[in-house]
Protein backbone atom coordinates (compact mmCIF):
# COMPACT_ATOMS: atom_id res chain seq x y z
CA MET A 1 10.26 132.23 -93.82
CA GLU A 2 10.37 129.44 -91.24
CA GLN A 3 13.96 130.22 -90.26
CA GLN A 4 12.92 133.79 -89.47
CA ASP A 5 10.37 132.69 -86.89
CA ARG A 6 11.51 133.39 -83.36
CA TYR A 7 9.51 132.07 -80.45
CA ILE A 8 9.26 133.46 -76.95
CA ARG A 9 10.93 131.49 -74.17
CA PHE A 10 8.59 129.37 -72.11
CA ASP A 11 9.43 131.08 -68.80
CA TRP A 12 8.46 134.49 -70.18
CA ALA A 13 5.40 133.08 -71.93
CA VAL A 14 4.11 131.59 -68.68
CA LYS A 15 4.79 134.85 -66.87
CA CYS A 16 3.12 137.20 -69.34
CA LEU A 17 1.12 135.46 -72.09
CA LEU A 18 -0.15 132.02 -71.11
CA ARG A 19 -2.13 133.32 -68.12
CA GLN A 20 -4.84 134.39 -70.57
CA LYS A 21 -7.62 131.80 -70.88
CA ALA A 22 -7.45 131.94 -74.67
CA ASN A 23 -3.88 130.62 -74.42
CA PHE A 24 -4.51 127.79 -71.96
CA ASP A 25 -4.25 125.27 -74.81
CA VAL A 26 -0.46 125.72 -74.90
CA LEU A 27 -0.10 124.89 -71.20
CA GLU A 28 -2.64 122.08 -71.47
CA GLY A 29 -0.60 120.50 -74.25
CA PHE A 30 2.59 120.68 -72.19
CA LEU A 31 0.93 119.09 -69.15
CA THR A 32 -0.80 116.42 -71.24
CA VAL A 33 2.51 115.34 -72.79
CA LEU A 34 4.41 115.39 -69.50
CA LEU A 35 1.80 113.64 -67.32
CA GLY A 36 0.76 111.15 -70.01
CA GLU A 37 -2.96 111.91 -69.78
CA GLU A 38 -5.29 114.63 -70.98
CA VAL A 39 -5.27 117.66 -68.72
CA LYS A 40 -7.74 120.54 -68.89
CA ILE A 41 -7.00 123.78 -67.06
CA ILE A 42 -9.77 125.21 -64.92
CA GLU A 43 -7.99 128.32 -63.72
CA LEU A 44 -4.63 129.79 -62.81
CA LEU A 45 -4.42 130.27 -59.08
CA GLU A 46 -3.16 133.53 -57.69
CA SER A 47 -1.76 133.75 -54.20
CA GLU A 48 0.80 135.64 -52.19
CA SER A 49 3.47 133.23 -53.30
CA ASN A 50 2.91 134.14 -56.96
CA GLN A 51 4.03 137.73 -56.36
CA GLN A 52 7.38 138.51 -57.87
CA SER A 53 10.34 139.97 -56.03
CA VAL A 54 14.02 140.35 -56.67
CA ASP A 55 14.59 136.86 -55.26
CA ASP A 56 11.76 135.26 -57.24
CA LYS A 57 11.64 137.01 -60.60
CA PHE A 58 11.75 133.77 -62.58
CA ASN A 59 8.20 132.64 -62.85
CA ARG A 60 6.21 130.30 -60.70
CA VAL A 61 2.60 129.55 -61.58
CA ASP A 62 0.04 127.37 -59.83
CA ILE A 63 -2.59 125.76 -62.04
CA LYS A 64 -5.89 124.20 -61.03
CA ALA A 65 -6.76 121.53 -63.57
CA LYS A 66 -8.75 118.36 -64.17
CA ASN A 67 -7.14 115.11 -65.26
CA SER A 68 -8.52 112.37 -67.50
CA LYS A 69 -10.25 110.72 -64.51
CA GLY A 70 -12.12 113.93 -63.70
CA GLU A 71 -10.02 114.56 -60.58
CA ILE A 72 -9.02 118.05 -59.57
CA ILE A 73 -5.24 118.48 -59.41
CA ILE A 74 -2.90 121.35 -58.64
CA VAL A 75 0.12 121.79 -60.90
CA GLU A 76 2.99 124.00 -59.83
CA ILE A 77 5.45 125.03 -62.55
CA GLN A 78 8.59 126.94 -61.73
CA ASN A 79 11.66 127.84 -63.73
CA THR A 80 14.10 127.15 -60.93
CA ARG A 81 17.43 128.99 -60.78
CA GLU A 82 17.90 129.08 -57.03
CA LEU A 83 20.99 127.96 -55.16
CA TYR A 84 18.89 125.88 -52.77
CA TYR A 85 16.64 124.48 -55.45
CA LEU A 86 15.52 121.32 -53.63
CA GLU A 87 14.43 123.34 -50.61
CA ARG A 88 12.71 125.78 -52.93
CA ILE A 89 10.77 122.95 -54.63
CA LEU A 90 9.69 121.47 -51.29
CA TYR A 91 8.61 124.88 -50.02
CA GLY A 92 6.60 125.54 -53.18
CA VAL A 93 4.71 122.26 -52.87
CA ALA A 94 3.95 122.87 -49.19
CA LYS A 95 2.63 126.35 -50.02
CA ALA A 96 0.48 124.99 -52.85
CA ILE A 97 -1.10 122.41 -50.57
CA THR A 98 -1.88 124.77 -47.72
CA GLU A 99 -2.99 127.72 -49.83
CA HIS A 100 -5.51 125.82 -51.89
CA ILE A 101 -7.49 124.10 -49.17
CA SER A 102 -10.09 126.25 -47.46
CA LEU A 103 -10.01 126.74 -43.72
CA GLY A 104 -12.20 124.13 -42.03
CA GLU A 105 -12.21 121.65 -44.92
CA ARG A 106 -11.49 118.02 -44.14
CA TYR A 107 -8.22 116.50 -45.20
CA TYR A 108 -9.70 114.48 -48.04
CA GLU A 109 -10.19 117.80 -49.82
CA VAL A 110 -6.42 118.10 -50.23
CA LYS A 111 -5.65 117.96 -53.95
CA LYS A 112 -2.93 115.95 -55.67
CA ILE A 113 0.05 118.20 -56.42
CA TYR A 114 2.36 117.89 -59.40
CA SER A 115 5.54 119.92 -59.08
CA ILE A 116 7.32 120.64 -62.37
CA SER A 117 10.72 122.31 -62.23
CA ILE A 118 12.42 123.45 -65.43
CA LEU A 119 16.14 123.61 -64.67
CA TYR A 120 18.60 125.51 -66.85
CA PHE A 121 21.67 124.72 -64.76
CA ASP A 122 23.74 121.72 -63.75
CA ILE A 123 22.30 120.01 -60.66
CA GLY A 124 24.84 117.21 -60.36
CA LYS A 125 25.25 113.64 -61.55
CA GLY A 126 22.66 111.92 -63.72
CA ASN A 127 22.45 110.81 -67.32
CA ASP A 128 18.82 111.65 -68.06
CA TYR A 129 17.17 114.96 -68.89
CA LEU A 130 13.91 114.12 -67.11
CA TYR A 131 13.57 112.77 -63.58
CA HIS A 132 10.36 111.80 -61.79
CA GLY A 133 9.85 111.12 -58.10
CA GLN A 134 6.94 110.33 -55.80
CA ASN A 135 6.32 109.04 -52.31
CA SER A 136 5.69 105.38 -51.61
CA PHE A 137 5.99 103.21 -48.51
CA THR A 138 7.80 99.93 -49.01
CA GLY A 139 7.98 97.09 -46.50
CA VAL A 140 11.45 96.95 -44.97
CA HIS A 141 11.35 93.14 -44.75
CA THR A 142 8.74 92.18 -47.35
CA GLY A 143 9.34 94.74 -50.08
CA ASP A 144 5.60 95.18 -50.68
CA ARG A 145 4.01 98.59 -51.24
CA LEU A 146 1.63 99.76 -48.55
CA GLU A 147 -1.98 100.35 -49.58
CA VAL A 148 -4.02 102.56 -47.29
CA THR A 149 -7.76 102.19 -46.66
CA THR A 150 -9.49 105.49 -45.95
CA LYS A 151 -13.07 106.59 -45.51
CA GLU A 152 -14.04 109.34 -47.91
CA LYS A 153 -17.54 110.70 -48.28
CA ASP A 154 -19.07 107.67 -46.49
CA ALA A 155 -17.20 105.20 -48.70
CA LEU A 156 -14.15 103.05 -48.12
CA VAL A 157 -11.42 103.91 -50.59
CA HIS A 158 -8.22 101.97 -51.17
CA LYS A 159 -5.30 104.14 -52.21
CA LEU A 160 -1.58 103.90 -52.64
CA PRO A 161 0.25 106.77 -50.92
CA ALA A 162 1.59 107.76 -54.33
CA GLU A 163 -1.96 108.63 -55.36
CA ILE A 164 -2.11 111.25 -52.62
CA PHE A 165 1.40 112.53 -52.06
CA PRO A 166 2.96 115.05 -54.48
CA GLU A 167 4.82 113.99 -57.60
CA TYR A 168 7.94 115.79 -58.73
CA PHE A 169 9.32 116.31 -62.23
CA LEU A 170 12.79 117.76 -62.76
CA ILE A 171 13.44 118.75 -66.37
CA ARG A 172 17.18 119.20 -66.93
CA VAL A 173 16.95 121.29 -70.07
CA ASN A 174 20.69 121.58 -70.74
CA GLU A 175 21.12 117.79 -70.63
CA PHE A 176 18.82 117.26 -73.62
CA ASN A 177 21.02 116.49 -76.64
CA LYS A 178 18.81 114.19 -78.72
CA VAL A 179 17.05 114.55 -82.02
CA ALA A 180 13.47 115.23 -80.99
CA VAL A 181 11.20 112.40 -82.08
CA THR A 182 8.47 112.06 -79.47
CA PRO A 183 6.08 114.84 -78.39
CA LEU A 184 7.90 115.05 -75.04
CA GLU A 185 11.26 115.44 -76.78
CA GLU A 186 9.82 118.19 -79.00
CA TRP A 187 8.68 120.05 -75.89
CA ILE A 188 12.10 119.71 -74.23
CA GLU A 189 13.73 120.91 -77.45
CA TYR A 190 11.53 124.02 -77.38
CA LEU A 191 12.35 124.62 -73.70
CA LYS A 192 16.05 124.47 -74.53
CA THR A 193 16.31 126.19 -77.92
CA GLY A 194 13.07 128.09 -78.42
CA CYS A 195 12.63 126.23 -81.73
CA ILE A 196 9.35 124.62 -82.80
CA ARG A 197 9.27 122.51 -85.95
CA SER A 198 6.70 123.52 -88.55
CA ASP A 199 5.19 120.03 -88.82
CA THR A 200 4.84 119.43 -85.09
CA GLN A 201 1.96 117.29 -83.89
CA ALA A 202 2.85 117.60 -80.22
CA PRO A 203 -0.09 118.84 -78.13
CA GLY A 204 0.32 122.52 -77.37
CA LEU A 205 3.26 123.22 -79.68
CA ALA A 206 1.19 123.89 -82.79
CA GLU A 207 -0.74 126.45 -80.74
CA ALA A 208 2.54 127.87 -79.42
CA ARG A 209 3.73 128.43 -83.00
CA LYS A 210 0.78 130.75 -83.51
CA LYS A 211 0.72 132.52 -80.17
CA LEU A 212 4.34 132.83 -79.05
CA ILE A 213 5.95 134.53 -82.03
CA TYR A 214 8.47 137.13 -80.89
CA TYR A 215 7.61 139.64 -83.60
CA ASN A 216 3.93 139.61 -82.69
CA MET A 217 4.76 141.51 -79.52
CA SER A 218 4.72 145.29 -79.46
CA PRO A 219 8.10 147.08 -79.54
CA ALA A 220 7.80 147.83 -75.82
CA GLU A 221 6.98 144.21 -75.02
CA ARG A 222 9.89 143.00 -77.16
CA HIS A 223 12.25 145.37 -75.37
CA ALA A 224 11.05 144.19 -71.96
CA TYR A 225 11.49 140.58 -73.10
CA ASP A 226 15.03 141.27 -74.35
CA GLU A 227 15.89 142.88 -71.02
CA HIS A 228 14.51 139.77 -69.31
CA LEU A 229 16.95 137.66 -71.33
CA SER A 230 19.76 140.01 -70.31
CA ALA A 231 18.79 139.56 -66.67
CA ILE A 232 18.96 135.78 -67.11
CA MET A 233 22.44 136.09 -68.62
CA ILE A 234 23.57 138.25 -65.70
CA GLN A 235 22.35 135.70 -63.19
CA ASN A 236 23.84 132.77 -65.09
CA ASP A 237 27.21 134.53 -65.25
CA VAL A 238 27.15 135.06 -61.51
CA LEU A 239 26.19 131.43 -60.81
CA ASP A 240 28.77 130.06 -63.24
CA GLY A 241 31.50 132.29 -61.82
CA ALA A 242 30.74 131.20 -58.28
CA LYS A 243 30.73 127.55 -59.32
CA LEU A 244 34.11 127.81 -61.04
CA GLU A 245 35.63 129.31 -57.95
CA GLY A 246 34.17 126.50 -55.84
CA ARG A 247 32.72 128.92 -53.33
CA MET A 248 29.01 128.94 -54.23
CA GLU A 249 27.66 129.32 -50.71
CA GLY A 250 30.30 131.81 -49.67
CA ARG A 251 29.38 134.06 -52.56
CA LEU A 252 25.62 133.97 -52.02
CA GLU A 253 25.51 137.48 -50.62
CA GLY A 254 27.62 138.89 -53.42
CA ARG A 255 25.49 137.02 -55.98
CA MET A 256 22.33 138.62 -54.65
CA GLU A 257 23.91 142.08 -54.59
CA GLY A 258 25.16 141.72 -58.16
CA LYS A 259 21.79 140.44 -59.36
CA MET A 260 20.06 143.35 -57.65
CA GLU A 261 22.39 145.89 -59.26
CA GLY A 262 21.80 144.34 -62.69
CA CYS A 263 18.03 144.48 -62.25
CA ILE A 264 18.16 148.10 -61.09
CA GLU A 265 20.24 149.14 -64.10
CA ILE A 266 17.85 147.40 -66.51
CA ALA A 267 14.85 149.01 -64.79
CA ARG A 268 16.46 152.44 -64.96
CA ASN A 269 16.99 152.06 -68.71
CA LEU A 270 13.42 150.88 -69.30
CA LYS A 271 12.03 153.74 -67.21
CA SER A 272 14.03 156.28 -69.21
CA MET A 273 12.37 154.89 -72.34
CA GLY A 274 8.96 155.63 -70.89
CA LEU A 275 7.82 152.05 -70.18
CA ASP A 276 5.13 151.65 -67.52
CA THR A 277 5.84 150.26 -64.06
CA GLU A 278 4.00 146.96 -64.67
CA THR A 279 6.07 146.16 -67.77
CA ILE A 280 9.31 147.05 -65.97
CA GLN A 281 8.29 144.85 -63.06
CA LYS A 282 7.72 141.88 -65.38
CA ALA A 283 11.12 142.37 -67.00
CA THR A 284 13.14 142.79 -63.80
CA GLY A 285 11.15 141.43 -60.87
CA LEU A 286 11.61 144.65 -58.90
CA LEU A 287 8.79 145.83 -56.68
CA PRO A 288 6.70 148.83 -57.86
CA GLU A 289 7.97 151.03 -55.05
CA GLU A 290 11.57 150.18 -55.97
CA ILE A 291 10.91 151.15 -59.58
CA GLN A 292 9.26 154.42 -58.58
CA LYS A 293 12.36 155.45 -56.60
CA LEU A 294 14.61 155.20 -59.67
């Protein structure tokens, strides 16, 4: 029976299933393994930037959580497929910082941001499947790392800039070609193949085996999910074709037009089957008013 199990892709799960509080344990496991410390989710943050459009149909989710030291952190996860992915990552972090500090609060209320990008395309040279980056200030002549003294809540606090500035994780899913041994490798294997081993002990994956089974979805949900996979294939074909021709930037406009046409055709088919607007929106990323015009 194990071979018959089919698990929902992580990007769709984050978009549609893992936003429910009862399913936070899957996301908590993923973050715990990636960050190397226990993470507990407080809430999923909703903002204008979370709204989906034709240009942003592949999910982004902002998470408010608490780390093992009891500190509040903001985690931004996005399944990046954009042409200008580095700019997109930077923009997402800037939005997360500004959106989640209340007007009038002092700067020490700014939360530490972790940006996690799950990449399903080739981003260039590099031999690893996981890259991590953070800000630090190094002496040009001495090579030492700068430590900043700040006054927070009437106390002097010594911090490295890396404790304040965002940290970035780039997961190059397609570059993972190992036999999964560690919990992190098991998670990357699931991100790439959708497979979860039956004896997994990785935090979050045992819960995912119970909650992300494809056949547990309703027929309508399964159909919307399958159309989502078709949309991904359409976009990948466009990106790959542009790359082969060596004219990626020159074909940006045509890529967007082709992606739009593919989404509209999928939405039209789903609408003819009687699916509701919300489900169609999740599958295609089209706006409700665009769906209603079909």
